[in-house]
Every structure is written in structure tokens, then in C-alpha cells.
Amino acid sequence: MIEDFYQYEPYQLNKEEKSALLTEELKRLVAHHMQNCQPYRNMLDGLGFSLSTVNTVEDIPFLPVRLFKELDLLSIPKDQVFKTMTSSGTTGQAVSKIYADKETAMMQQKVMIKILSDYWGKKRLPMLIIDSPAVVKDRNSFTARGAAIIGLRIMASGMTYVLNEDMSLNVPVLMDFLEKNKGKRFVIFGFTFMVWQHFYKELCKLGEDIDLSLAWLMTGGGWKKLETEQISRQEFKKCFNELCGIEHFLDHYGMVEQTGCIYAECEYGHLHASIYSDVIPRRYEDFSPCEIGERGILQTVSVLPHSYPGHSLLTEDEGLILGEDDCPCGRKGKYIQILGRIKKAELRGCSDTYAATI
């Protein structure tokens, strides 16, 4: 049961402890979705799958994440759908549809709070959102961008949107926010390319000294567009630090199909798997698990998807495990590096798909 996880801090358990807890919960989720989602059961039956063969997290069967673009996969009646989330996609691409009931939505929010509180503390902080308020207008249906912002709302003492609908920087709103929060810690949140294009570049044009030294800059989404501009992660941080004094950065990896279970960046630049999730790179030739340091296609597991069978997915991303239980930051669990999209996969990250449209 998910309550078993709540008694621990997000990065408290070592490899053996986490594996035992995660395996049992994922087995329960497999049984739950086989009973309540007929297409999922049909796929597992077609594979000849038996729950008795599961001994570790690596034994949990996975679905290709692309299936959520092709099928409506639910483990609840349609009338219990509380909100629908869609993945990012460029024009003409099919998008994933993820259906959450109230229980799943509450778990996603609670776990997001637990993970982020481990980084910037439990106090609710003012948030400056590098986006337009238009992105969260429809409360029943959200894009991945909107879902991420709504998920953070419960952690914010207030949210200020600093972009106009045409994505131009609203300078008066920015200055008012900074004046009201002078001398206070706060969070700046946005998707990576949008933060660079519509915030950093516009701050450069202002020609004023903007002090953001007390801020946490939380970013997410792909880096593909920035890499084409030869802006590395290190250069991105250096630019913001030199321009406005930001010292605290928190990038993260996540997907709408496993909302809530983000892989957040520690002070050493490592993306960490919490006790609620895990990552298994798999070899291209036979999908066997990779060793530490070996690149492969990423399988991600999460204990949060109860209303749909998104608990074990084969992504279209490539990455590797850097280590486990031994990051200098002190957090237990695997820490990973994302290497990018596999060849011929569609653009998918919020930043990359947005960048492809401009």
C-alpha cells in the first residue's frame, strides 16, 4: 500500500530496502490493472506473463509509452475520471491521454511535495512561473506544462505568471514580484527552453541589475534546442549566475504518464530516483538490464499510477545509471544521466516540443 512509503523520507532507503518495498507494491499494481483494465490484461496474457515469475523490480512487465497515444488505457470507470492530462507534442503529433481519479491525483501531489521538500524545505514559497496563465485555464484537461504547474501549486504561497499570452516578458509584473519578495527565498519555475528564450534573453535586454540570488531555479523538459545553440547545462547555470546571481538550480526529469514521480537534480548535478520510482536502462538488442554506466533505453517504474496502467513504462529516452546509494549529496537510491531521445523518436519534452513550434 502507498501508505507504507509515506513513513520514509524520499531518499532514505538503500538498494535492498527499496527493492523489497517497490517490488511488492508494483506486483500489487500489476494485479490491480490486470483485473481492471482489459487491454492491459490482454497484452500480458499475450506475453504469457505470470505474476509468480516476479522476484525483482526488473521482472515487472513494461508497456511502451507510445501506447498511451494509441489507446485509452484506464483502470477506473470513465465517470470517475477527475482530470485528463495530455503529453507535449508538436503540431500533427498524437498525444498521450492520461486519466487520473481523485485518489491518483492526490497521491501525485503528495509525492511531488515530499520530493521537492527534500530540496528546498517544507515551507511554502512564492513562485514565479515562466509561462502564461493561459496554460492552466482548463481545469479538467491539462497539457504536461499545465499539469506540472498545477502540481506545484500546493507548494506555493502564491504563483505569479510572468509571461503574457504572446510569451513576451511582463516586466511590470516581474518588478512587482521582486519588490514584494525582496529579501525572501522564492522559486522560479519554467520549462528549460522557455526559461532561456523568454526569461534569460529578455533579462539581458533590460540592462538592469536583477538580483535573484535568493531564488531556486527549477527547470524541466528537454535540452535539445539549447544544445543546438551550444548551450550546455553548465553554460546555462553559469549564464544565470553571472547575470542575476542564481546559485540554486533544480532541473528534473519526468513525464506526464508518471506525474508526481520526478527525478530531481541534487547539488552535484545528479538526477535522483526516489523510493516511489526507479529507472532500469535496457539493452537495445534484447531489453536485458544494463550495468551501471552502460547506456540503454530507459524503463521507468512508479507506484503512483492507480487509475491507469502507467506503473511500468519503456520510454523513448536513452540514459544510464551513474551510481546507487553513493552520491556525495547523501541521498540513497539510483542517480542517473539522461542522454536524450532515441533515434527516430518523436520530440516529446515540454521544452523541445515548444521550441519546435517557434
Protein backbone atom coordinates (compact mmCIF):
# COMPACT_ATOMS: atom_id res chain seq x y z
CA MET A 1 0.00 0.00 0.00
CA ILE A 2 1.16 3.53 -0.73
CA GLU A 3 0.92 4.34 2.99
CA ASP A 4 3.91 2.04 3.54
CA PHE A 5 6.03 4.52 1.57
CA TYR A 6 4.89 7.64 3.39
CA GLN A 7 6.65 6.62 6.62
CA TYR A 8 10.04 7.10 4.93
CA GLU A 9 11.86 10.13 3.58
CA PRO A 10 12.06 10.12 -0.24
CA TYR A 11 15.73 9.07 -0.36
CA GLN A 12 16.03 7.18 2.92
CA LEU A 13 16.12 3.54 1.80
CA ASN A 14 19.15 1.68 0.49
CA LYS A 15 19.10 -0.65 -2.51
CA GLU A 16 17.87 -3.77 -0.70
CA GLU A 17 15.23 -1.99 1.39
CA LYS A 18 13.87 -0.03 -1.55
CA SER A 19 13.82 -3.02 -3.89
CA ALA A 20 11.78 -5.12 -1.46
CA LEU A 21 9.20 -2.36 -0.87
CA LEU A 22 8.97 -1.35 -4.52
CA THR A 23 8.69 -4.90 -5.87
CA GLU A 24 5.75 -5.78 -3.63
CA GLU A 25 3.86 -2.60 -4.45
CA LEU A 26 4.45 -2.99 -8.19
CA LYS A 27 3.22 -6.58 -8.02
CA ARG A 28 0.03 -5.30 -6.38
CA LEU A 29 -0.34 -2.73 -9.14
CA VAL A 30 0.13 -5.32 -11.88
CA ALA A 31 -2.63 -7.45 -10.34
CA HIS A 32 -4.87 -4.38 -9.91
CA HIS A 33 -4.51 -3.28 -13.53
CA MET A 34 -4.91 -6.82 -14.90
CA GLN A 35 -8.21 -7.02 -13.04
CA ASN A 36 -9.47 -3.56 -14.01
CA CYS A 37 -8.03 -2.80 -17.45
CA GLN A 38 -8.91 -5.41 -20.05
CA PRO A 39 -6.49 -4.19 -22.78
CA TYR A 40 -3.64 -4.37 -20.24
CA ARG A 41 -4.64 -7.88 -19.23
CA ASN A 42 -4.85 -8.94 -22.87
CA MET A 43 -1.32 -7.69 -23.53
CA LEU A 44 0.11 -9.51 -20.51
CA ASP A 45 -1.81 -12.68 -21.34
CA GLY A 46 -0.41 -12.46 -24.86
CA LEU A 47 3.08 -12.41 -23.39
CA GLY A 48 2.30 -15.47 -21.28
CA PHE A 49 3.01 -13.42 -18.18
CA SER A 50 2.52 -14.86 -14.69
CA LEU A 51 2.81 -12.78 -11.52
CA SER A 52 4.56 -15.72 -9.86
CA THR A 53 7.64 -15.03 -12.02
CA VAL A 54 8.21 -11.58 -10.47
CA ASN A 55 11.01 -11.54 -7.91
CA THR A 56 12.57 -8.11 -8.50
CA VAL A 57 11.62 -4.74 -9.99
CA GLU A 58 13.40 -5.79 -13.22
CA ASP A 59 10.82 -8.60 -13.65
CA ILE A 60 7.84 -6.22 -13.81
CA PRO A 61 6.49 -6.18 -17.40
CA PHE A 62 6.55 -2.82 -19.16
CA LEU A 63 4.42 -1.13 -21.78
CA PRO A 64 5.91 1.10 -24.47
CA VAL A 65 4.99 4.66 -23.51
CA ARG A 66 3.74 5.24 -27.06
CA LEU A 67 0.73 3.02 -26.34
CA PHE A 68 -0.91 5.87 -24.47
CA LYS A 69 -1.04 7.73 -27.79
CA GLU A 70 -2.83 4.84 -29.45
CA LEU A 71 -5.22 3.56 -26.78
CA ASP A 72 -7.38 4.84 -23.96
CA LEU A 73 -6.00 2.85 -21.04
CA LEU A 74 -7.96 3.17 -17.80
CA SER A 75 -8.40 1.04 -14.71
CA ILE A 76 -11.39 3.03 -13.49
CA PRO A 77 -14.87 3.72 -14.89
CA LYS A 78 -14.96 6.81 -17.11
CA ASP A 79 -17.27 8.60 -14.68
CA GLN A 80 -14.52 8.50 -12.03
CA VAL A 81 -12.07 10.49 -14.16
CA PHE A 82 -11.14 13.59 -12.15
CA LYS A 83 -8.75 15.15 -14.66
CA THR A 84 -7.21 14.31 -18.02
CA MET A 85 -3.60 15.14 -18.80
CA THR A 86 -2.02 15.16 -22.24
CA SER A 87 1.63 14.86 -23.17
CA SER A 88 3.52 17.53 -25.07
CA GLY A 89 3.63 17.17 -28.84
CA THR A 90 4.42 19.25 -31.88
CA THR A 91 1.65 20.05 -34.34
CA GLY A 92 0.34 16.90 -36.01
CA GLN A 93 1.70 14.51 -33.39
CA ALA A 94 -0.61 12.25 -31.46
CA VAL A 95 -0.54 12.96 -27.71
CA SER A 96 -0.83 10.63 -24.75
CA LYS A 97 -4.00 10.88 -22.69
CA ILE A 98 -3.66 10.09 -19.01
CA TYR A 99 -6.77 9.72 -16.88
CA ALA A 100 -6.48 10.36 -13.14
CA ASP A 101 -9.13 9.82 -10.49
CA LYS A 102 -9.11 11.85 -7.28
CA GLU A 103 -7.08 9.23 -5.40
CA THR A 104 -4.33 9.13 -8.01
CA ALA A 105 -4.28 12.93 -8.35
CA MET A 106 -3.90 13.30 -4.57
CA MET A 107 -1.04 10.79 -4.47
CA GLN A 108 0.75 12.55 -7.32
CA GLN A 109 0.52 15.84 -5.48
CA LYS A 110 1.56 14.42 -2.11
CA VAL A 111 4.63 12.67 -3.51
CA MET A 112 5.69 15.74 -5.50
CA ILE A 113 5.60 17.73 -2.26
CA LYS A 114 7.67 15.12 -0.41
CA ILE A 115 10.33 15.00 -3.13
CA LEU A 116 10.71 18.76 -3.57
CA SER A 117 10.60 19.44 0.17
CA ASP A 118 13.79 17.39 0.43
CA TYR A 119 15.50 20.03 -1.69
CA TRP A 120 14.15 23.44 -0.69
CA GLY A 121 12.42 22.67 2.62
CA LYS A 122 8.83 22.27 3.73
CA LYS A 123 7.91 25.94 3.89
CA ARG A 124 5.60 27.16 1.12
CA LEU A 125 7.45 29.68 -1.03
CA PRO A 126 6.37 32.33 -3.55
CA MET A 127 6.71 31.06 -7.12
CA LEU A 128 7.50 33.00 -10.25
CA ILE A 129 6.17 30.97 -13.19
CA ILE A 130 7.89 31.44 -16.55
CA ASP A 131 4.70 30.89 -18.52
CA SER A 132 1.37 32.49 -19.28
CA PRO A 133 -1.70 31.90 -17.06
CA ALA A 134 -3.47 30.67 -20.21
CA VAL A 135 -1.68 27.31 -19.85
CA VAL A 136 -3.84 26.36 -16.82
CA LYS A 137 -7.21 27.77 -17.91
CA ASP A 138 -8.99 24.42 -18.44
CA ARG A 139 -9.06 22.79 -15.01
CA ASN A 140 -10.37 19.47 -16.35
CA SER A 141 -7.79 18.93 -19.05
CA PHE A 142 -4.13 19.88 -18.86
CA THR A 143 -1.12 19.65 -21.11
CA ALA A 144 2.08 18.41 -19.50
CA ARG A 145 3.10 22.04 -18.97
CA GLY A 146 -0.15 22.88 -17.22
CA ALA A 147 -0.14 19.68 -15.17
CA ALA A 148 3.35 20.42 -13.86
CA ILE A 149 2.39 23.94 -12.81
CA ILE A 150 -0.81 22.79 -11.12
CA GLY A 151 1.14 20.06 -9.32
CA LEU A 152 3.39 22.73 -7.80
CA ARG A 153 0.54 24.99 -6.71
CA ILE A 154 0.10 23.31 -3.33
CA MET A 155 3.76 24.06 -2.51
CA ALA A 156 3.46 27.74 -3.34
CA SER A 157 2.43 30.56 -1.04
CA GLY A 158 1.42 32.27 -4.27
CA MET A 159 2.00 31.94 -8.02
CA THR A 160 2.86 34.83 -10.33
CA TYR A 161 2.86 34.26 -14.10
CA VAL A 162 5.45 36.49 -15.71
CA LEU A 163 4.76 35.89 -19.41
CA ASN A 164 1.97 37.37 -21.48
CA GLU A 165 -0.07 35.12 -23.79
CA ASP A 166 2.25 36.01 -26.68
CA MET A 167 5.18 34.78 -24.49
CA SER A 168 6.62 38.28 -24.06
CA LEU A 169 8.04 39.12 -20.65
CA ASN A 170 5.68 41.16 -18.47
CA VAL A 171 8.30 43.45 -16.93
CA PRO A 172 5.94 45.34 -14.56
CA VAL A 173 4.70 42.04 -13.12
CA LEU A 174 8.29 40.84 -12.67
CA MET A 175 9.37 44.03 -10.91
CA ASP A 176 6.31 43.99 -8.65
CA PHE A 177 7.02 40.36 -7.67
CA LEU A 178 10.66 41.12 -6.86
CA GLU A 179 9.73 44.17 -4.80
CA LYS A 180 7.14 42.23 -2.78
CA ASN A 181 9.57 39.38 -2.13
CA LYS A 182 12.71 41.40 -1.51
CA GLY A 183 14.96 39.58 0.95
CA LYS A 184 12.89 36.38 0.78
CA ARG A 185 13.56 32.95 -0.68
CA PHE A 186 11.39 32.07 -3.67
CA VAL A 187 11.14 29.59 -6.55
CA ILE A 188 11.35 30.31 -10.27
CA PHE A 189 9.78 27.53 -12.32
CA GLY A 190 9.65 27.00 -16.05
CA PHE A 191 10.48 24.62 -18.87
CA THR A 192 14.09 24.83 -19.88
CA PHE A 193 13.89 26.35 -23.36
CA MET A 194 11.15 28.79 -22.33
CA VAL A 195 13.23 29.94 -19.35
CA TRP A 196 16.18 30.56 -21.65
CA GLN A 197 14.30 32.12 -24.55
CA HIS A 198 11.69 34.22 -22.78
CA PHE A 199 13.32 34.95 -19.43
CA TYR A 200 17.11 34.93 -19.64
CA LYS A 201 17.33 36.61 -23.05
CA GLU A 202 14.77 39.22 -22.04
CA LEU A 203 16.59 39.94 -18.77
CA CYS A 204 19.73 40.54 -20.80
CA LYS A 205 17.88 43.16 -22.87
CA LEU A 206 16.62 45.02 -19.80
CA GLY A 207 20.06 46.29 -18.96
CA GLU A 208 19.21 46.41 -15.25
CA ASP A 209 20.74 44.65 -12.27
CA ILE A 210 18.19 41.98 -11.29
CA ASP A 211 19.03 40.22 -8.03
CA LEU A 212 17.74 36.63 -8.00
CA SER A 213 20.36 35.29 -5.59
CA LEU A 214 17.76 34.01 -3.11
CA ALA A 215 15.86 32.04 -5.77
CA TRP A 216 15.75 28.36 -6.62
CA LEU A 217 15.53 27.98 -10.40
CA MET A 218 13.57 24.82 -11.15
CA THR A 219 13.57 23.71 -14.77
CA GLY A 220 12.35 20.69 -16.68
CA GLY A 221 11.87 19.38 -20.18
CA GLY A 222 14.35 18.64 -22.93
CA TRP A 223 17.65 20.34 -23.69
CA LYS A 224 17.70 19.51 -27.39
CA LYS A 225 17.01 23.04 -28.67
CA LEU A 226 19.53 24.60 -26.28
CA GLU A 227 22.16 22.10 -27.33
CA THR A 228 21.71 23.19 -30.96
CA GLU A 229 22.50 26.72 -29.72
CA GLN A 230 25.58 25.23 -28.00
CA ILE A 231 24.22 25.98 -24.53
CA SER A 232 25.20 23.15 -22.17
CA ARG A 233 23.75 22.63 -18.70
CA GLN A 234 26.90 24.09 -17.22
CA GLU A 235 26.74 27.13 -19.51
CA PHE A 236 23.04 27.61 -18.70
CA LYS A 237 23.80 27.77 -14.97
CA LYS A 238 26.85 29.97 -15.47
CA CYS A 239 24.84 32.48 -17.51
CA PHE A 240 22.10 32.80 -14.90
CA ASN A 241 24.62 33.01 -12.08
CA GLU A 242 26.61 35.78 -13.75
CA LEU A 243 23.55 37.75 -14.86
CA CYS A 244 21.43 37.68 -11.71
CA GLY A 245 23.26 35.71 -9.02
CA ILE A 246 21.25 32.47 -9.03
CA GLU A 247 23.13 29.75 -7.14
CA HIS A 248 20.46 27.09 -6.58
CA PHE A 249 19.36 25.08 -9.61
CA LEU A 250 16.96 22.16 -9.67
CA ASP A 251 16.48 20.53 -13.06
CA HIS A 252 14.28 17.45 -13.22
CA TYR A 253 13.27 14.58 -15.49
CA GLY A 254 9.70 13.36 -15.60
CA MET A 255 6.77 12.54 -17.85
CA VAL A 256 3.04 13.11 -17.78
CA GLU A 257 2.47 9.32 -17.80
CA GLN A 258 4.11 9.14 -14.36
CA THR A 259 3.21 12.53 -12.92
CA GLY A 260 4.45 13.12 -9.38
CA CYS A 261 7.47 10.82 -9.57
CA ILE A 262 10.06 13.28 -10.80
CA TYR A 263 13.81 12.65 -10.87
CA ALA A 264 15.19 15.84 -9.29
CA GLU A 265 18.71 17.22 -9.57
CA CYS A 266 20.89 17.41 -6.48
CA GLU A 267 23.64 19.94 -5.84
CA TYR A 268 26.11 17.65 -7.65
CA GLY A 269 24.07 17.72 -10.85
CA HIS A 270 22.72 14.18 -10.48
CA LEU A 271 19.09 13.22 -11.15
CA HIS A 272 17.81 11.02 -8.31
CA ALA A 273 15.18 8.27 -8.19
CA SER A 274 13.10 8.47 -5.01
CA ILE A 275 11.64 5.49 -3.16
CA TYR A 276 8.45 5.95 -5.22
CA SER A 277 10.11 5.20 -8.54
CA ASP A 278 13.05 3.59 -10.27
CA VAL A 279 14.89 3.54 -13.59
CA ILE A 280 16.18 0.50 -15.46
CA PRO A 281 18.24 1.12 -18.63
CA ARG A 282 17.73 -1.80 -21.05
CA ARG A 283 19.89 -3.03 -23.91
CA TYR A 284 18.65 -2.45 -27.43
CA GLU A 285 19.25 -5.99 -28.66
CA ASP A 286 17.29 -7.96 -26.05
CA PHE A 287 15.95 -5.50 -23.44
CA SER A 288 18.08 -7.07 -20.71
CA PRO A 289 19.01 -4.68 -17.85
CA CYS A 290 22.20 -2.67 -18.31
CA GLU A 291 25.04 -2.46 -15.83
CA ILE A 292 25.89 0.77 -14.02
CA GLY A 293 27.48 3.16 -16.53
CA GLU A 294 26.07 1.33 -19.58
CA ARG A 295 23.73 3.31 -21.81
CA GLY A 296 20.35 1.90 -22.75
CA ILE A 297 16.66 2.61 -23.32
CA LEU A 298 15.10 3.75 -20.07
CA GLN A 299 12.34 1.82 -18.36
CA THR A 300 10.74 3.80 -15.55
CA VAL A 301 8.52 2.43 -12.79
CA SER A 302 6.27 4.35 -10.40
CA VAL A 303 3.93 3.32 -7.60
CA LEU A 304 1.54 6.23 -8.25
CA PRO A 305 -0.50 5.28 -11.35
CA HIS A 306 -3.57 3.57 -9.86
CA SER A 307 -6.22 4.81 -12.30
CA TYR A 308 -4.32 3.74 -15.41
CA PRO A 309 -1.59 1.13 -16.12
CA GLY A 310 1.34 3.54 -16.27
CA HIS A 311 3.32 1.97 -13.44
CA SER A 312 5.99 0.40 -15.68
CA LEU A 313 6.87 2.03 -19.00
CA LEU A 314 9.54 1.71 -21.65
CA THR A 315 10.30 5.31 -22.56
CA GLU A 316 11.79 6.66 -25.77
CA ASP A 317 14.72 8.14 -23.89
CA GLU A 318 18.27 6.90 -23.60
CA GLY A 319 20.29 7.15 -20.40
CA LEU A 320 22.44 5.40 -17.86
CA ILE A 321 22.83 4.80 -14.14
CA LEU A 322 25.73 6.79 -12.70
CA GLY A 323 25.63 5.07 -9.31
CA GLU A 324 23.44 3.85 -6.47
CA ASP A 325 23.41 4.72 -2.76
CA ASP A 326 26.71 6.60 -3.05
CA CYS A 327 26.02 10.11 -4.35
CA PRO A 328 28.07 12.73 -2.44
CA CYS A 329 24.82 14.58 -1.64
CA GLY A 330 23.89 11.75 0.75
CA ARG A 331 20.63 10.75 -0.93
CA LYS A 332 20.14 6.99 -1.30
CA GLY A 333 18.91 5.31 -4.47
CA LYS A 334 19.98 5.41 -8.10
CA TYR A 335 21.18 8.61 -9.71
CA ILE A 336 21.03 8.86 -13.45
CA GLN A 337 22.04 10.75 -16.57
CA ILE A 338 19.61 11.38 -19.42
CA LEU A 339 21.35 11.21 -22.80
CA GLY A 340 18.41 12.25 -24.98
CA ARG A 341 15.78 10.79 -27.27
CA ILE A 342 16.48 7.51 -29.03
CA LYS A 343 16.95 7.85 -32.77
CA LYS A 344 13.78 8.49 -34.80
CA ALA A 345 11.66 9.02 -31.68
CA GLU A 346 9.29 12.00 -31.79
CA LEU A 347 10.13 15.14 -29.85
CA ARG A 348 8.28 14.90 -26.58
CA GLY A 349 9.66 17.08 -23.78
CA CYS A 350 7.76 20.28 -22.99
CA SER A 351 10.76 22.43 -23.89
CA ASP A 352 11.66 20.60 -27.08
CA THR A 353 8.14 20.41 -28.47
CA TYR A 354 7.54 24.07 -27.66
CA ALA A 355 10.86 25.03 -29.28
CA ALA A 356 9.93 23.10 -32.42
CA THR A 357 6.90 25.37 -32.91
CA ILE A 358 8.73 28.69 -32.94
